[in-house]
PDB file of N, CA and C in Angstrom:
ATOM      1  N   MET A   1      51.622 107.878 155.289  1.00  0.00           N
ATOM      2  CA  MET A   1      50.872 107.570 156.484  1.00  0.00           C
ATOM      3  C   MET A   1      51.007 108.682 157.507  1.00  0.00           C
ATOM      4  N   SER A   2      52.204 109.261 157.601  1.00  0.00           N
ATOM      5  CA  SER A   2      52.409 110.298 158.612  1.00  0.00           C
ATOM      6  C   SER A   2      51.496 111.494 158.372  1.00  0.00           C
ATOM      7  N   ASP A   3      51.248 111.835 157.098  1.00  0.00           N
ATOM      8  CA  ASP A   3      50.326 112.935 156.811  1.00  0.00           C
ATOM      9  C   ASP A   3      48.915 112.594 157.274  1.00  0.00           C
ATOM     10  N   GLY A   4      48.503 111.343 157.098  1.00  0.00           N
ATOM     11  CA  GLY A   4      47.179 110.909 157.545  1.00  0.00           C
ATOM     12  C   GLY A   4      47.041 111.020 159.048  1.00  0.00           C
ATOM     13  N   TYR A   5      48.054 110.555 159.771  1.00  0.00           N
ATOM     14  CA  TYR A   5      48.019 110.660 161.238  1.00  0.00           C
ATOM     15  C   TYR A   5      47.993 112.123 161.684  1.00  0.00           C
ATOM     16  N   SER A   6      48.732 112.960 160.975  1.00  0.00           N
ATOM     17  CA  SER A   6      48.748 114.383 161.281  1.00  0.00           C
ATOM     18  C   SER A   6      47.375 115.004 161.035  1.00  0.00           C
ATOM     19  N   ASP A   7      46.725 114.605 159.941  1.00  0.00           N
ATOM     20  CA  ASP A   7      45.385 115.108 159.648  1.00  0.00           C
ATOM     21  C   ASP A   7      44.379 114.670 160.713  1.00  0.00           C
ATOM     22  N   VAL A   8      44.500 113.433 161.182  1.00  0.00           N
ATOM     23  CA  VAL A   8      43.623 112.950 162.256  1.00  0.00           C
ATOM     24  C   VAL A   8      43.825 113.799 163.507  1.00  0.00           C
ATOM     25  N   ALA A   9      45.073 114.028 163.889  1.00  0.00           N
ATOM     26  CA  ALA A   9      45.367 114.825 165.080  1.00  0.00           C
ATOM     27  C   ALA A   9      44.819 116.243 164.943  1.00  0.00           C
ATOM     28  N   GLU A  10      44.951 116.814 163.757  1.00  0.00           N
ATOM     29  CA  GLU A  10      44.440 118.166 163.520  1.00  0.00           C
ATOM     30  C   GLU A  10      42.910 118.203 163.624  1.00  0.00           C
ATOM     31  N   ALA A  11      42.246 117.221 163.026  1.00  0.00           N
ATOM     32  CA  ALA A  11      40.779 117.167 163.090  1.00  0.00           C
ATOM     33  C   ALA A  11      40.307 117.010 164.531  1.00  0.00           C
ATOM     34  N   LEU A  12      40.994 116.179 165.297  1.00  0.00           N
ATOM     35  CA  LEU A  12      40.613 115.983 166.693  1.00  0.00           C
ATOM     36  C   LEU A  12      40.866 117.227 167.532  1.00  0.00           C
ATOM     37  N   ALA A  13      41.930 117.943 167.229  1.00  0.00           N
ATOM     38  CA  ALA A  13      42.214 119.183 167.944  1.00  0.00           C
ATOM     39  C   ALA A  13      41.106 120.201 167.685  1.00  0.00           C
ATOM     40  N   TYR A  14      40.569 120.197 166.476  1.00  0.00           N
ATOM     41  CA  TYR A  14      39.513 121.127 166.104  1.00  0.00           C
ATOM     42  C   TYR A  14      38.153 120.698 166.654  1.00  0.00           C
ATOM     43  N   ARG A  15      37.849 119.392 166.561  1.00  0.00           N
ATOM     44  CA  ARG A  15      36.523 118.880 166.933  1.00  0.00           C
ATOM     45  C   ARG A  15      36.459 118.306 168.337  1.00  0.00           C
ATOM     46  N   GLY A  16      37.595 117.967 168.906  1.00  0.00           N
ATOM     47  CA  GLY A  16      37.621 117.324 170.217  1.00  0.00           C
ATOM     48  C   GLY A  16      37.483 115.815 170.080  1.00  0.00           C
ATOM     49  N   LYS A  17      37.931 115.097 171.102  1.00  0.00           N
ATOM     50  CA  LYS A  17      37.915 113.634 171.088  1.00  0.00           C
ATOM     51  C   LYS A  17      36.643 113.042 171.681  1.00  0.00           C
ATOM     52  N   GLU A  18      35.817 113.863 172.302  1.00  0.00           N
ATOM     53  CA  GLU A  18      34.692 113.355 173.082  1.00  0.00           C
ATOM     54  C   GLU A  18      33.763 112.435 172.302  1.00  0.00           C
ATOM     55  N   ASN A  19      33.519 112.725 171.043  1.00  0.00           N
ATOM     56  CA  ASN A  19      32.535 111.975 170.262  1.00  0.00           C
ATOM     57  C   ASN A  19      33.147 110.901 169.370  1.00  0.00           C
ATOM     58  N   TYR A  20      34.432 110.638 169.513  1.00  0.00           N
ATOM     59  CA  TYR A  20      35.120 109.710 168.616  1.00  0.00           C
ATOM     60  C   TYR A  20      35.890 108.677 169.423  1.00  0.00           C
ATOM     61  N   HIS A  21      35.987 107.487 168.875  1.00  0.00           N
ATOM     62  CA  HIS A  21      36.816 106.461 169.511  1.00  0.00           C
ATOM     63  C   HIS A  21      37.879 105.925 168.564  1.00  0.00           C
ATOM     64  N   GLY A  22      37.779 106.298 167.296  1.00  0.00           N
ATOM     65  CA  GLY A  22      38.748 105.814 166.334  1.00  0.00           C
ATOM     66  C   GLY A  22      38.727 106.657 165.077  1.00  0.00           C
ATOM     67  N   TYR A  23      39.510 106.228 164.107  1.00  0.00           N
ATOM     68  CA  TYR A  23      39.638 106.962 162.853  1.00  0.00           C
ATOM     69  C   TYR A  23      39.934 105.991 161.727  1.00  0.00           C
ATOM     70  N   CYS A  24      39.742 106.448 160.498  1.00  0.00           N
ATOM     71  CA  CYS A  24      40.216 105.722 159.318  1.00  0.00           C
ATOM     72  C   CYS A  24      40.526 106.758 158.240  1.00  0.00           C
ATOM     73  N   PHE A  25      41.431 106.403 157.345  1.00  0.00           N
ATOM     74  CA  PHE A  25      41.797 107.312 156.261  1.00  0.00           C
ATOM     75  C   PHE A  25      42.541 106.545 155.178  1.00  0.00           C
ATOM     76  N   PHE A  26      42.620 107.166 154.014  1.00  0.00           N
ATOM     77  CA  PHE A  26      43.525 106.726 152.958  1.00  0.00           C
ATOM     78  C   PHE A  26      44.214 107.977 152.449  1.00  0.00           C
ATOM     79  N   HIS A  27      45.358 107.810 151.774  1.00  0.00           N
ATOM     80  CA  HIS A  27      46.124 108.968 151.332  1.00  0.00           C
ATOM     81  C   HIS A  27      46.350 108.921 149.825  1.00  0.00           C
ATOM     82  N   GLY A  28      47.034 109.895 149.328  1.00  0.00           N
ATOM     83  CA  GLY A  28      47.245 110.037 147.883  1.00  0.00           C
ATOM     84  C   GLY A  28      47.867 108.832 147.222  1.00  0.00           C
ATOM     85  N   GLN A  29      48.862 108.226 147.847  1.00  0.00           N
ATOM     86  CA  GLN A  29      49.501 107.047 147.263  1.00  0.00           C
ATOM     87  C   GLN A  29      48.522 105.869 147.215  1.00  0.00           C
ATOM     88  N   ASP A  30      47.616 105.792 148.192  1.00  0.00           N
ATOM     89  CA  ASP A  30      46.592 104.747 148.167  1.00  0.00           C
ATOM     90  C   ASP A  30      45.677 104.938 146.962  1.00  0.00           C
ATOM     91  N   ILE A  31      45.332 106.186 146.683  1.00  0.00           N
ATOM     92  CA  ILE A  31      44.492 106.479 145.523  1.00  0.00           C
ATOM     93  C   ILE A  31      45.212 106.094 144.235  1.00  0.00           C
ATOM     94  N   GLU A  32      46.490 106.428 144.139  1.00  0.00           N
ATOM     95  CA  GLU A  32      47.272 106.077 142.953  1.00  0.00           C
ATOM     96  C   GLU A  32      47.264 104.568 142.727  1.00  0.00           C
ATOM     97  N   ARG A  33      47.455 103.790 143.802  1.00  0.00           N
ATOM     98  CA  ARG A  33      47.432 102.323 143.676  1.00  0.00           C
ATOM     99  C   ARG A  33      46.042 101.830 143.277  1.00  0.00           C
ATOM    100  N   ALA A  34      45.013 102.457 143.808  1.00  0.00           N
ATOM    101  CA  ALA A  34      43.642 102.072 143.444  1.00  0.00           C
ATOM    102  C   ALA A  34      43.394 102.341 141.960  1.00  0.00           C
ATOM    103  N   LEU A  35      43.879 103.470 141.469  1.00  0.00           N
ATOM    104  CA  LEU A  35      43.719 103.797 140.054  1.00  0.00           C
ATOM    105  C   LEU A  35      44.472 102.819 139.154  1.00  0.00           C
ATOM    106  N   GLU A  36      45.545 102.234 139.673  1.00  0.00           N
ATOM    107  CA  GLU A  36      46.322 101.245 138.925  1.00  0.00           C
ATOM    108  C   GLU A  36      45.713  99.846 139.031  1.00  0.00           C
ATOM    109  N   GLY A  37      44.619  99.715 139.782  1.00  0.00           N
ATOM    110  CA  GLY A  37      43.929  98.435 139.882  1.00  0.00           C
ATOM    111  C   GLY A  37      44.349  97.560 141.045  1.00  0.00           C
ATOM    112  N   HIS A  38      45.037  98.122 142.044  1.00  0.00           N
ATOM    113  CA  HIS A  38      45.521  97.335 143.183  1.00  0.00           C
ATOM    114  C   HIS A  38      44.625  97.401 144.409  1.00  0.00           C
ATOM    115  N   GLY A  39      43.460  97.989 144.271  1.00  0.00           N
ATOM    116  CA  GLY A  39      42.562  98.128 145.408  1.00  0.00           C
ATOM    117  C   GLY A  39      42.921  99.345 146.235  1.00  0.00           C
ATOM    118  N   LEU A  40      42.046  99.651 147.177  1.00  0.00           N
ATOM    119  CA  LEU A  40      42.240 100.813 148.031  1.00  0.00           C
ATOM    120  C   LEU A  40      42.559 100.363 149.446  1.00  0.00           C
ATOM    121  N   SER A  41      43.708 100.765 149.954  1.00  0.00           N
ATOM    122  CA  SER A  41      44.104 100.455 151.327  1.00  0.00           C
ATOM    123  C   SER A  41      43.581 101.542 152.258  1.00  0.00           C
ATOM    124  N   ILE A  42      43.061 101.105 153.417  1.00  0.00           N
ATOM    125  CA  ILE A  42      42.494 102.042 154.375  1.00  0.00           C
ATOM    126  C   ILE A  42      43.141 101.821 155.740  1.00  0.00           C
ATOM    127  N   ALA A  43      43.740 102.867 156.268  1.00  0.00           N
ATOM    128  CA  ALA A  43      44.345 102.818 157.603  1.00  0.00           C
ATOM    129  C   ALA A  43      43.264 103.117 158.637  1.00  0.00           C
ATOM    130  N   PHE A  44      43.448 102.611 159.835  1.00  0.00           N
ATOM    131  CA  PHE A  44      42.480 102.830 160.907  1.00  0.00           C
ATOM    132  C   PHE A  44      43.194 102.705 162.239  1.00  0.00           C
ATOM    133  N   GLY A  45      42.551 103.178 163.297  1.00  0.00           N
ATOM    134  CA  GLY A  45      43.155 103.031 164.605  1.00  0.00           C
ATOM    135  C   GLY A  45      42.279 103.563 165.716  1.00  0.00           C
ATOM    136  N   ASP A  46      42.677 103.238 166.916  1.00  0.00           N
ATOM    137  CA  ASP A  46      42.049 103.714 168.143  1.00  0.00           C
ATOM    138  C   ASP A  46      42.749 105.008 168.557  1.00  0.00           C
ATOM    139  N   LEU A  47      42.000 105.941 169.099  1.00  0.00           N
ATOM    140  CA  LEU A  47      42.586 107.226 169.471  1.00  0.00           C
ATOM    141  C   LEU A  47      43.643 107.103 170.562  1.00  0.00           C
ATOM    142  N   ASN A  48      43.556 106.066 171.377  1.00  0.00           N
ATOM    143  CA  ASN A  48      44.537 105.874 172.448  1.00  0.00           C
ATOM    144  C   ASN A  48      45.561 104.804 172.121  1.00  0.00           C
ATOM    145  N   ASP A  49      45.545 104.324 170.881  1.00  0.00           N
ATOM    146  CA  ASP A  49      46.506 103.342 170.385  1.00  0.00           C
ATOM    147  C   ASP A  49      46.518 102.054 171.208  1.00  0.00           C
ATOM    148  N   VAL A  50      45.320 101.584 171.581  1.00  0.00           N
ATOM    149  CA  VAL A  50      45.166 100.322 172.303  1.00  0.00           C
ATOM    150  C   VAL A  50      44.841  99.250 171.261  1.00  0.00           C
ATOM    151  N   ALA A  51      45.660  98.207 171.185  1.00  0.00           N
ATOM    152  CA  ALA A  51      45.536  97.203 170.121  1.00  0.00           C
ATOM    153  C   ALA A  51      44.138  96.599 170.038  1.00  0.00           C
ATOM    154  N   GLU A  52      43.564  96.216 171.171  1.00  0.00           N
ATOM    155  CA  GLU A  52      42.234  95.583 171.149  1.00  0.00           C
ATOM    156  C   GLU A  52      41.184  96.548 170.620  1.00  0.00           C
ATOM    157  N   LYS A  53      41.294  97.809 170.998  1.00  0.00           N
ATOM    158  CA  LYS A  53      40.342  98.810 170.527  1.00  0.00           C
ATOM    159  C   LYS A  53      40.586  99.136 169.060  1.00  0.00           C
ATOM    160  N   THR A  54      41.840  99.092 168.629  1.00  0.00           N
ATOM    161  CA  THR A  54      42.155  99.306 167.220  1.00  0.00           C
ATOM    162  C   THR A  54      41.496  98.218 166.382  1.00  0.00           C
ATOM    163  N   ILE A  55      41.540  96.985 166.838  1.00  0.00           N
ATOM    164  CA  ILE A  55      40.882  95.886 166.122  1.00  0.00           C
ATOM    165  C   ILE A  55      39.379  96.137 166.042  1.00  0.00           C
ATOM    166  N   SER A  56      38.797  96.632 167.112  1.00  0.00           N
ATOM    167  CA  SER A  56      37.373  96.949 167.118  1.00  0.00           C
ATOM    168  C   SER A  56      37.046  98.034 166.091  1.00  0.00           C
ATOM    169  N   VAL A  57      37.891  99.041 165.983  1.00  0.00           N
ATOM    170  CA  VAL A  57      37.696 100.092 164.986  1.00  0.00           C
ATOM    171  C   VAL A  57      37.787  99.481 163.587  1.00  0.00           C
ATOM    172  N   GLY A  58      38.778  98.625 163.366  1.00  0.00           N
ATOM    173  CA  GLY A  58      38.913  97.962 162.068  1.00  0.00           C
ATOM    174  C   GLY A  58      37.680  97.150 161.720  1.00  0.00           C
ATOM    175  N   GLN A  59      37.137  96.439 162.692  1.00  0.00           N
ATOM    176  CA  GLN A  59      35.924  95.659 162.461  1.00  0.00           C
ATOM    177  C   GLN A  59      34.752  96.564 162.107  1.00  0.00           C
ATOM    178  N   SER A  60      34.648  97.700 162.783  1.00  0.00           N
ATOM    179  CA  SER A  60      33.565  98.650 162.495  1.00  0.00           C
ATOM    180  C   SER A  60      33.678  99.228 161.091  1.00  0.00           C
ATOM    181  N   VAL A  61      34.882  99.604 160.705  1.00  0.00           N
ATOM    182  CA  VAL A  61      35.089 100.167 159.370  1.00  0.00           C
ATOM    183  C   VAL A  61      34.815  99.094 158.317  1.00  0.00           C
ATOM    184  N   LYS A  62      35.308  97.890 158.548  1.00  0.00           N
ATOM    185  CA  LYS A  62      35.079  96.775 157.614  1.00  0.00           C
ATOM    186  C   LYS A  62      33.586  96.524 157.461  1.00  0.00           C
ATOM    187  N   HIS A  63      32.875  96.484 158.558  1.00  0.00           N
ATOM    188  CA  HIS A  63      31.433  96.246 158.526  1.00  0.00           C
ATOM    189  C   HIS A  63      30.717  97.350 157.742  1.00  0.00           C
ATOM    190  N   ALA A  64      31.081  98.603 157.984  1.00  0.00           N
ATOM    191  CA  ALA A  64      30.449  99.719 157.277  1.00  0.00           C
ATOM    192  C   ALA A  64      30.698  99.634 155.772  1.00  0.00           C
ATOM    193  N   LEU A  65      31.923  99.284 155.395  1.00  0.00           N
ATOM    194  CA  LEU A  65      32.236  99.145 153.975  1.00  0.00           C
ATOM    195  C   LEU A  65      31.446  97.998 153.344  1.00  0.00           C
ATOM    196  N   GLU A  66      31.359  96.886 154.052  1.00  0.00           N
ATOM    197  CA  GLU A  66      30.603  95.743 153.533  1.00  0.00           C
ATOM    198  C   GLU A  66      29.118  96.071 153.434  1.00  0.00           C
ATOM    199  N   GLU A  67      28.595  96.799 154.412  1.00  0.00           N
ATOM    200  CA  GLU A  67      27.191  97.223 154.365  1.00  0.00           C
ATOM    201  C   GLU A  67      26.928  98.125 153.153  1.00  0.00           C
ATOM    202  N   ALA A  68      27.951  98.861 152.734  1.00  0.00           N
ATOM    203  CA  ALA A  68      27.832  99.739 151.573  1.00  0.00           C
ATOM    204  C   ALA A  68      28.048  98.979 150.263  1.00  0.00           C
ATOM    205  N   GLY A  69      28.329  97.667 150.353  1.00  0.00           N
ATOM    206  CA  GLY A  69      28.457  96.842 149.159  1.00  0.00           C
ATOM    207  C   GLY A  69      29.867  96.559 148.693  1.00  0.00           C
ATOM    208  N   PHE A  70      30.863  96.953 149.481  1.00  0.00           N
ATOM    209  CA  PHE A  70      32.249  96.708 149.093  1.00  0.00           C
ATOM    210  C   PHE A  70      32.739  95.370 149.630  1.00  0.00           C
ATOM    211  N   GLU A  71      33.589  94.723 148.860  1.00  0.00           N
ATOM    212  CA  GLU A  71      34.316  93.543 149.341  1.00  0.00           C
ATOM    213  C   GLU A  71      35.528  94.082 150.098  1.00  0.00           C
ATOM    214  N   VAL A  72      35.808  93.514 151.263  1.00  0.00           N
ATOM    215  CA  VAL A  72      36.924  93.995 152.083  1.00  0.00           C
ATOM    216  C   VAL A  72      37.805  92.828 152.483  1.00  0.00           C
ATOM    217  N   GLU A  73      39.101  92.990 152.299  1.00  0.00           N
ATOM    218  CA  GLU A  73      40.078  91.999 152.742  1.00  0.00           C
ATOM    219  C   GLU A  73      40.806  92.573 153.956  1.00  0.00           C
ATOM    220  N   TRP A  74      40.964  91.718 154.969  1.00  0.00           N
ATOM    221  CA  TRP A  74      41.691  92.135 156.177  1.00  0.00           C
ATOM    222  C   TRP A  74      42.000  90.887 156.983  1.00  0.00           C
ATOM    223  N   ASN A  75      43.183  90.813 157.547  1.00  0.00           N
ATOM    224  CA  ASN A  75      43.558  89.631 158.324  1.00  0.00           C
ATOM    225  C   ASN A  75      43.163  89.738 159.800  1.00  0.00           C
ATOM    226  N   GLY A  76      42.506  90.814 160.192  1.00  0.00           N
ATOM    227  CA  GLY A  76      42.041  90.972 161.564  1.00  0.00           C
ATOM    228  C   GLY A  76      43.067  91.528 162.530  1.00  0.00           C
ATOM    229  N   SER A  77      44.212  91.914 162.034  1.00  0.00           N
ATOM    230  CA  SER A  77      45.296  92.406 162.875  1.00  0.00           C
ATOM    231  C   SER A  77      45.242  93.927 163.026  1.00  0.00           C
ATOM    232  N   ALA A  78      45.636  94.400 164.195  1.00  0.00           N
ATOM    233  CA  ALA A  78      45.735  95.841 164.425  1.00  0.00           C
ATOM    234  C   ALA A  78      46.875  96.453 163.619  1.00  0.00           C
ATOM    235  N   ASP A  79      47.796  95.621 163.160  1.00  0.00           N
ATOM    236  CA  ASP A  79      48.977  96.108 162.442  1.00  0.00           C
ATOM    237  C   ASP A  79      48.828  96.092 160.927  1.00  0.00           C
ATOM    238  N   SER A  80      47.670  95.682 160.420  1.00  0.00           N
ATOM    239  CA  SER A  80      47.486  95.655 158.973  1.00  0.00           C
ATOM    240  C   SER A  80      46.344  96.577 158.575  1.00  0.00           C
ATOM    241  N   ARG A  81      46.340  96.953 157.318  1.00  0.00           N
ATOM    242  CA  ARG A  81      45.316  97.858 156.818  1.00  0.00           C
ATOM    243  C   ARG A  81      44.211  97.068 156.128  1.00  0.00           C
ATOM    244  N   LEU A  82      43.062  97.668 156.054  1.00  0.00           N
ATOM    245  CA  LEU A  82      41.963  97.097 155.288  1.00  0.00           C
ATOM    246  C   LEU A  82      42.271  97.298 153.810  1.00  0.00           C
ATOM    247  N   ASN A  83      41.775  96.411 152.968  1.00  0.00           N
ATOM    248  CA  ASN A  83      41.938  96.575 151.532  1.00  0.00           C
ATOM    249  C   ASN A  83      40.601  96.335 150.856  1.00  0.00           C
ATOM    250  N   VAL A  84      40.229  97.263 149.996  1.00  0.00           N
ATOM    251  CA  VAL A  84      39.050  97.110 149.145  1.00  0.00           C
ATOM    252  C   VAL A  84      39.600  96.749 147.768  1.00  0.00           C
ATOM    253  N   PRO A  85      39.626  95.431 147.432  1.00  0.00           N
ATOM    254  CA  PRO A  85      40.344  94.995 146.244  1.00  0.00           C
ATOM    255  C   PRO A  85      39.688  95.372 144.916  1.00  0.00           C
ATOM    256  N   LYS A  86      38.399  95.474 144.920  1.00  0.00           N
ATOM    257  CA  LYS A  86      37.685  95.767 143.674  1.00  0.00           C
ATOM    258  C   LYS A  86      36.956  97.082 143.833  1.00  0.00           C
ATOM    259  N   ILE A  87      37.590  98.107 143.333  1.00  0.00           N
ATOM    260  CA  ILE A  87      36.978  99.430 143.429  1.00  0.00           C
ATOM    261  C   ILE A  87      37.119 100.111 142.077  1.00  0.00           C
ATOM    262  N   ASN A  88      36.030 100.640 141.608  1.00  0.00           N
ATOM    263  CA  ASN A  88      36.009 101.365 140.342  1.00  0.00           C
ATOM    264  C   ASN A  88      36.080 102.844 140.667  1.00  0.00           C
ATOM    265  N   TRP A  89      37.304 103.348 140.799  1.00  0.00           N
ATOM    266  CA  TRP A  89      37.507 104.736 141.198  1.00  0.00           C
ATOM    267  C   TRP A  89      37.148 105.635 140.021  1.00  0.00           C
ATOM    268  N   GLN A  90      36.267 106.579 140.259  1.00  0.00           N
ATOM    269  CA  GLN A  90      35.839 107.487 139.193  1.00  0.00           C
ATOM    270  C   GLN A  90      36.000 108.921 139.659  1.00  0.00           C
ATOM    271  N   ARG A  91      36.557 109.719 138.777  1.00  0.00           N
ATOM    272  CA  ARG A  91      36.642 111.144 139.071  1.00  0.00           C
ATOM    273  C   ARG A  91      35.343 111.804 138.645  1.00  0.00           C
ATOM    274  N   ARG A  92      34.880 112.646 139.479  1.00  0.00           N
ATOM    275  CA  ARG A  92      33.652 113.388 139.167  1.00  0.00           C
ATOM    276  C   ARG A  92      33.994 114.873 139.169  1.00  0.00           C
ATOM    277  N   TYR A  93      33.509 115.542 138.174  1.00  0.00           N
ATOM    278  CA  TYR A  93      33.782 116.974 138.054  1.00  0.00           C
ATOM    279  C   TYR A  93      32.538 117.772 138.322  1.00  0.00           C
TER     280      TYR A  93
END
């Protein structure tokens, strides 16, 4: 997770915060679990670490994933990650 947060900070330093209100990411261990059939966990958050805004970001990411046809599990908490339980991860070359 720390690498993901570091990557977010680096991207914001490069692009600026003006056009963003939140972030989401997954990392290598999440991919490994997805490949093992455990679904894909997605971290998310508000740039200012405000719990209510973090929940709003989670809702936005969940909605976008559902609009794209994914099933998403989430308890609605700012402290939990989204999970896409059924994902057919495919490597493309």
